């Protein structure tokens, strides 16, 4: 290690996480020399496949200087108030797992405790009926037309949003290396990364290297190849996706992700402005993956 200040950063990757990391570093620390070294986006990089976000994304946008006009209007994003779960509990109705509060506390007692107590002796509406965000999710309302304080995530139009983040990173001064990532060279003294090696033979040194190469973590794997297998706990270890155009399926009006269960898999559909993206997770022991999942409008994504 060294006490010298960090002044050069190399971000390796080609997807949304790489461009987001590069933009955030350069925006918050303008004196840094931030270079993005392109690398292929792997199929298993879910950040470049999953369009639904939580409300925390707004904090990230504010932190790097993007407005709602940029990220919602300009990038064609829509609000997401939560997730509608259907058929998850036998004999019970569907429910919305929404963001934001569920009823106000009364007398210093949290609302959910009061609801649970009263439900023992009375017939009460479902718990999510006391959530303003859940009701907006079911009715198709918008955050602009509702009372203040209701939290919402975003449903991204990935192509538009990715282009926004990439263009913004370039705008704030992120540089893009001319060649793509190929390998790394390690220091003989301590085994840490010394240089990035590109496919044209060029080498790039930096004080800090940021690995945004997806789940394979190409840079990190050279430093610590150990892998902890969680497959015995994570039974659904395969995801298949399809994007359906407006000619095949209507646009889902409700600003909410929808999740349901099948006999051997979990499935979800997420509305976009002009398309619907369907995802299904299932155990890898089932083959083929999600046999009844179509290929959509010629825009398949899957792993």
Protein backbone atom coordinates (compact mmCIF):
# COMPACT_ATOMS: atom_id res chain seq x y z
CA UNK A 1 0.00 0.00 0.00
CA UNK A 2 1.03 3.61 -0.41
CA UNK A 3 0.09 6.91 1.17
CA UNK A 4 0.10 8.75 -2.15
CA UNK A 5 -3.24 10.39 -3.03
CA UNK A 6 -5.41 8.62 -5.61
CA UNK A 7 -5.50 10.66 -8.79
CA UNK A 8 -6.11 8.06 -11.54
CA UNK A 9 -8.94 5.52 -11.68
CA UNK A 10 -9.59 2.79 -14.24
CA UNK A 11 -13.16 1.44 -14.40
CA UNK A 12 -13.39 -1.86 -16.28
CA UNK A 13 -16.75 -2.79 -17.79
CA UNK A 14 -19.21 -1.85 -20.49
CA UNK A 15 -22.59 -1.88 -18.82
CA UNK A 16 -24.73 0.32 -16.66
CA UNK A 17 -22.74 -0.27 -13.46
CA UNK A 18 -19.48 0.72 -15.13
CA UNK A 19 -20.84 3.95 -16.58
CA UNK A 20 -22.63 4.77 -13.30
CA UNK A 21 -19.47 4.22 -11.26
CA UNK A 22 -17.37 6.28 -13.64
CA UNK A 23 -19.91 9.13 -13.71
CA UNK A 24 -20.24 9.19 -9.91
CA UNK A 25 -16.48 9.21 -9.31
CA UNK A 26 -15.83 11.99 -11.80
CA UNK A 27 -18.83 14.07 -10.73
CA UNK A 28 -18.04 13.93 -7.01
CA UNK A 29 -14.25 14.14 -7.37
CA UNK A 30 -13.63 16.27 -10.47
CA UNK A 31 -9.86 16.23 -9.97
CA UNK A 32 -9.74 12.47 -10.61
CA UNK A 33 -8.60 11.20 -13.98
CA UNK A 34 -11.29 8.56 -14.62
CA UNK A 35 -10.89 6.21 -17.59
CA UNK A 36 -13.41 3.56 -18.60
CA UNK A 37 -11.87 0.47 -20.19
CA UNK A 38 -14.60 -1.24 -22.25
CA UNK A 39 -15.42 -4.89 -21.61
CA UNK A 40 -18.26 -7.05 -22.97
CA UNK A 41 -21.50 -7.06 -20.98
CA UNK A 42 -22.02 -10.66 -19.80
CA UNK A 43 -25.44 -12.28 -20.13
CA UNK A 44 -25.63 -12.80 -16.36
CA UNK A 45 -25.16 -9.08 -15.59
CA UNK A 46 -28.66 -8.49 -14.23
CA UNK A 47 -28.09 -4.76 -13.73
CA UNK A 48 -28.27 -4.50 -17.52
CA UNK A 49 -31.37 -6.72 -17.72
CA UNK A 50 -33.62 -5.84 -14.77
CA UNK A 51 -35.57 -2.62 -15.27
CA UNK A 52 -37.12 -2.17 -11.81
CA UNK A 53 -35.44 0.00 -9.18
CA UNK A 54 -36.10 0.97 -5.58
CA UNK A 55 -36.60 4.58 -4.42
CA UNK A 56 -32.92 4.84 -3.47
CA UNK A 57 -32.10 5.47 -7.13
CA UNK A 58 -33.33 9.05 -6.72
CA UNK A 59 -30.63 9.68 -4.10
CA UNK A 60 -28.01 8.47 -6.57
CA UNK A 61 -29.38 10.75 -9.25
CA UNK A 62 -29.37 13.77 -6.93
CA UNK A 63 -25.84 12.96 -5.79
CA UNK A 64 -24.42 13.08 -9.30
CA UNK A 65 -26.53 16.03 -10.45
CA UNK A 66 -29.31 14.44 -12.53
CA UNK A 67 -32.88 15.73 -12.27
CA UNK A 68 -36.24 13.99 -12.65
CA UNK A 69 -36.58 15.77 -15.98
CA UNK A 70 -33.43 13.91 -17.06
CA UNK A 71 -34.16 10.49 -15.59
CA UNK A 72 -37.96 10.26 -15.96
CA UNK A 73 -38.99 12.48 -18.85
CA UNK A 74 -35.78 12.35 -20.84
CA UNK A 75 -35.06 8.66 -20.28
CA UNK A 76 -38.72 7.56 -20.62
CA UNK A 77 -38.86 6.02 -17.15
CA UNK A 78 -42.07 5.39 -15.25
CA UNK A 79 -42.88 5.27 -11.52
CA UNK A 80 -42.80 2.00 -9.59
CA UNK A 81 -44.65 1.98 -6.29
CA UNK A 82 -43.79 -1.60 -5.37
CA UNK A 83 -44.45 -5.20 -6.39
CA UNK A 84 -47.82 -6.92 -6.73
CA UNK A 85 -47.57 -10.51 -5.47
CA UNK A 86 -50.16 -13.00 -6.71
CA UNK A 87 -50.63 -16.66 -5.65
CA UNK A 88 -47.83 -16.47 -3.09
CA UNK A 89 -49.96 -17.68 -0.17
CA UNK A 90 -52.65 -20.27 -0.78
CA UNK A 91 -56.10 -19.03 0.06
CA UNK A 92 -55.00 -15.44 0.61
CA UNK A 93 -55.56 -12.48 -1.72
CA UNK A 94 -52.88 -10.77 -3.74
CA UNK A 95 -50.99 -7.95 -2.08
CA UNK A 96 -48.73 -5.05 -2.99
CA UNK A 97 -45.38 -4.83 -1.25
CA UNK A 98 -45.19 -1.06 -1.50
CA UNK A 99 -42.66 1.59 -0.59
CA UNK A 100 -43.36 4.16 2.06
CA UNK A 101 -45.47 4.03 5.25
CA UNK A 102 -48.45 1.81 6.02
CA UNK A 103 -50.78 3.88 8.18
CA UNK A 104 -49.70 6.33 10.89
CA UNK A 105 -48.73 5.29 14.44
CA UNK A 106 -51.41 5.89 17.07
CA UNK A 107 -50.46 6.73 20.62
CA UNK A 108 -46.86 5.84 19.93
CA UNK A 109 -47.79 2.32 18.73
CA UNK A 110 -46.74 1.29 15.23
CA UNK A 111 -49.67 0.87 12.84
CA UNK A 112 -48.87 -2.72 11.86
CA UNK A 113 -49.07 -3.81 15.51
CA UNK A 114 -52.49 -2.19 15.88
CA UNK A 115 -53.67 -3.82 12.65
CA UNK A 116 -52.52 -7.25 13.79
CA UNK A 117 -54.25 -6.87 17.15
CA UNK A 118 -57.56 -5.70 15.70
CA UNK A 119 -57.56 -8.38 13.00
CA UNK A 120 -57.96 -11.07 15.67
CA UNK A 121 -61.51 -9.97 16.46
CA UNK A 122 -62.60 -7.91 13.45
CA UNK A 123 -62.78 -8.16 9.71
CA UNK A 124 -60.27 -5.61 8.45
CA UNK A 125 -59.22 -4.60 4.93
CA UNK A 126 -55.92 -6.13 3.79
CA UNK A 127 -52.83 -4.46 5.24
CA UNK A 128 -51.73 -2.96 1.92
CA UNK A 129 -55.02 -1.07 1.68
CA UNK A 130 -53.58 1.28 4.31
CA UNK A 131 -50.59 2.16 2.11
CA UNK A 132 -51.01 5.20 -0.18
CA UNK A 133 -48.28 3.85 -2.47
CA UNK A 134 -50.01 0.45 -2.76
CA UNK A 135 -53.30 2.09 -3.69
CA UNK A 136 -51.58 4.19 -6.34
CA UNK A 137 -49.96 1.02 -7.66
CA UNK A 138 -53.32 -0.69 -8.05
CA UNK A 139 -55.12 2.31 -9.50
CA UNK A 140 -52.42 3.49 -11.89
CA UNK A 141 -51.94 6.87 -10.21
CA UNK A 142 -48.88 9.07 -10.56
CA UNK A 143 -46.67 10.57 -7.86
CA UNK A 144 -47.24 14.05 -9.23
CA UNK A 145 -51.00 13.73 -8.66
CA UNK A 146 -50.71 12.32 -5.15
CA UNK A 147 -49.87 13.80 -1.79
CA UNK A 148 -46.23 14.49 -1.02
CA UNK A 149 -44.06 11.97 0.78
CA UNK A 150 -45.01 8.88 -1.24
CA UNK A 151 -41.88 6.99 -2.23
CA UNK A 152 -41.50 5.36 -5.62
CA UNK A 153 -38.82 3.60 -7.60
CA UNK A 154 -38.51 3.63 -11.37
CA UNK A 155 -39.36 1.34 -14.26
CA UNK A 156 -36.47 1.98 -16.63
CA UNK A 157 -36.44 1.93 -20.38
CA UNK A 158 -32.99 0.41 -20.35
CA UNK A 159 -31.76 1.63 -23.72
CA UNK A 160 -32.74 5.24 -22.97
CA UNK A 161 -31.50 5.17 -19.37
CA UNK A 162 -28.17 3.54 -20.28
CA UNK A 163 -27.62 6.14 -22.99
CA UNK A 164 -28.37 8.91 -20.47
CA UNK A 165 -25.81 7.64 -17.94
CA UNK A 166 -23.19 7.07 -20.64
CA UNK A 167 -23.65 10.54 -22.14
CA UNK A 168 -23.60 12.14 -18.70
CA UNK A 169 -20.37 10.34 -17.78
CA UNK A 170 -18.74 11.67 -20.93
CA UNK A 171 -20.15 15.13 -20.23
CA UNK A 172 -18.53 15.33 -16.78
CA UNK A 173 -15.17 14.26 -18.19
CA UNK A 174 -14.88 10.47 -18.09
CA UNK A 175 -12.46 9.26 -20.76
CA UNK A 176 -12.92 6.01 -22.72
CA UNK A 177 -9.88 3.93 -23.57
CA UNK A 178 -9.45 3.23 -27.26
CA UNK A 179 -9.14 -0.57 -26.87
CA UNK A 180 -11.09 -3.20 -24.96
CA UNK A 181 -10.04 -5.01 -21.80
CA UNK A 182 -8.09 -8.26 -22.30
CA UNK A 183 -6.11 -9.10 -19.14
CA UNK A 184 -4.35 -7.68 -16.09
CA UNK A 185 -0.74 -7.64 -14.95
CA UNK A 186 -0.03 -8.13 -11.24
CA UNK A 187 2.73 -6.52 -9.18
CA UNK A 188 5.43 -8.97 -8.14
CA UNK A 189 5.89 -7.20 -4.80
CA UNK A 190 2.40 -7.70 -3.34
CA UNK A 191 0.31 -9.46 -6.00
CA UNK A 192 -2.01 -6.49 -6.51
CA UNK A 193 -3.06 -5.15 -9.90
CA UNK A 194 -0.32 -3.20 -11.64
CA UNK A 195 -1.79 -2.56 -15.10
CA UNK A 196 -4.73 -3.26 -17.35
CA UNK A 197 -3.76 -5.01 -20.59
CA UNK A 198 -5.96 -4.21 -23.60
CA UNK A 199 -6.67 -6.26 -26.69
CA UNK A 200 -4.38 -4.11 -28.82
CA UNK A 201 -1.45 -4.70 -26.46
CA UNK A 202 -1.68 -1.30 -24.79
CA UNK A 203 -1.25 -1.13 -21.00
CA UNK A 204 -3.04 1.21 -18.63
CA UNK A 205 -1.82 1.90 -15.08
CA UNK A 206 -3.94 3.54 -12.37
CA UNK A 207 -3.96 4.17 -8.64
CA UNK A 208 -7.40 2.55 -8.27
CA UNK A 209 -9.10 -0.16 -10.33
CA UNK A 210 -12.89 -0.60 -10.24
CA UNK A 211 -14.25 -4.00 -11.30
CA UNK A 212 -17.61 -3.63 -13.10
CA UNK A 213 -17.31 -6.78 -15.22
CA UNK A 214 -20.41 -8.48 -13.81
CA UNK A 215 -20.82 -11.53 -11.55
CA UNK A 216 -17.62 -13.11 -12.88
CA UNK A 217 -15.65 -10.18 -11.38
CA UNK A 218 -12.72 -10.66 -13.73
CA UNK A 219 -10.35 -8.32 -11.89
CA UNK A 220 -11.26 -9.51 -8.41
CA UNK A 221 -10.95 -13.17 -9.43
CA UNK A 222 -7.26 -12.65 -10.13
CA UNK A 223 -6.76 -11.44 -6.56
CA UNK A 224 -9.07 -13.82 -4.68
CA UNK A 225 -10.38 -16.78 -6.69
CA UNK A 226 -12.27 -18.31 -3.74
CA UNK A 227 -15.97 -18.88 -4.46
CA UNK A 228 -18.66 -19.58 -1.87
CA UNK A 229 -21.37 -21.82 -3.33
CA UNK A 230 -24.86 -20.87 -2.13
CA UNK A 231 -26.76 -23.09 -4.57
CA UNK A 232 -28.16 -25.28 -1.77
CA UNK A 233 -30.01 -22.22 -0.40
CA UNK A 234 -30.75 -20.42 -3.67
CA UNK A 235 -32.83 -23.01 -5.47
CA UNK A 236 -33.93 -20.68 -8.28
CA UNK A 237 -30.56 -20.11 -9.90
CA UNK A 238 -31.61 -19.54 -13.52
CA UNK A 239 -33.29 -16.51 -15.07
CA UNK A 240 -34.88 -16.21 -18.50
CA UNK A 241 -36.22 -12.98 -19.97
CA UNK A 242 -38.20 -11.85 -22.96
CA UNK A 243 -39.17 -8.39 -24.12
CA UNK A 244 -42.57 -8.11 -25.77
CA UNK A 245 -43.38 -5.26 -28.09
CA UNK A 246 -46.68 -3.41 -28.14
CA UNK A 247 -47.92 -5.47 -31.07
CA UNK A 248 -47.89 -8.66 -29.00
CA UNK A 249 -49.00 -7.52 -25.57
CA UNK A 250 -50.76 -4.40 -24.34
CA UNK A 251 -48.92 -1.96 -22.11
CA UNK A 252 -49.57 -2.70 -18.43
CA UNK A 253 -51.02 0.49 -17.03
CA UNK A 254 -50.34 -0.09 -13.34
CA UNK A 255 -47.03 1.41 -12.11
CA UNK A 256 -46.02 -1.78 -10.28
CA UNK A 257 -43.98 -4.91 -10.95
CA UNK A 258 -46.05 -8.09 -10.92
CA UNK A 259 -44.78 -11.37 -9.42
CA UNK A 260 -46.46 -14.76 -9.22
CA UNK A 261 -45.48 -18.38 -8.64
CA UNK A 262 -45.78 -21.51 -10.72
CA UNK A 263 -45.21 -25.17 -9.90
CA UNK A 264 -41.46 -24.90 -10.32
CA UNK A 265 -40.59 -21.28 -10.93
CA UNK A 266 -41.23 -17.69 -10.04
CA UNK A 267 -42.22 -15.23 -12.73
CA UNK A 268 -42.50 -11.48 -12.97
CA UNK A 269 -43.56 -8.94 -15.52
CA UNK A 270 -42.49 -5.34 -15.53
CA UNK A 271 -44.17 -2.67 -17.65
CA UNK A 272 -42.16 -0.33 -19.84
CA UNK A 273 -43.35 2.68 -21.75
CA UNK A 274 -43.65 0.72 -24.99
CA UNK A 275 -42.74 -2.88 -24.11
CA UNK A 276 -43.27 -5.46 -21.38
CA UNK A 277 -40.29 -7.36 -19.97
CA UNK A 278 -41.06 -10.81 -18.56
CA UNK A 279 -38.63 -12.65 -16.24
CA UNK A 280 -38.77 -16.14 -14.77
CA UNK A 281 -36.50 -17.68 -12.17
CA UNK A 282 -36.33 -21.44 -11.71
CA UNK A 283 -34.02 -24.21 -10.46
CA UNK A 284 -31.25 -25.13 -12.85
CA UNK A 285 -32.37 -28.78 -12.61
CA UNK A 286 -35.34 -27.95 -14.85
CA UNK A 287 -34.47 -28.14 -18.52
CA UNK A 288 -35.20 -26.33 -20.73
CA UNK A 289 -35.36 -23.05 -18.88
CA UNK A 290 -38.97 -21.80 -18.75
CA UNK A 291 -40.23 -23.78 -21.77
CA UNK A 292 -43.38 -21.65 -22.09
CA UNK A 293 -41.52 -18.31 -22.13
CA UNK A 294 -41.66 -16.88 -25.64
CA UNK A 295 -38.96 -14.98 -27.46
CA UNK A 296 -41.00 -11.79 -27.52
CA UNK A 297 -40.71 -9.27 -30.30
CA UNK A 298 -37.31 -10.33 -31.53
CA UNK A 299 -35.63 -8.88 -28.43
CA UNK A 300 -34.75 -11.90 -26.26
CA UNK A 301 -32.48 -11.73 -23.23
CA UNK A 302 -31.67 -14.80 -21.20
CA UNK A 303 -29.09 -16.71 -19.21
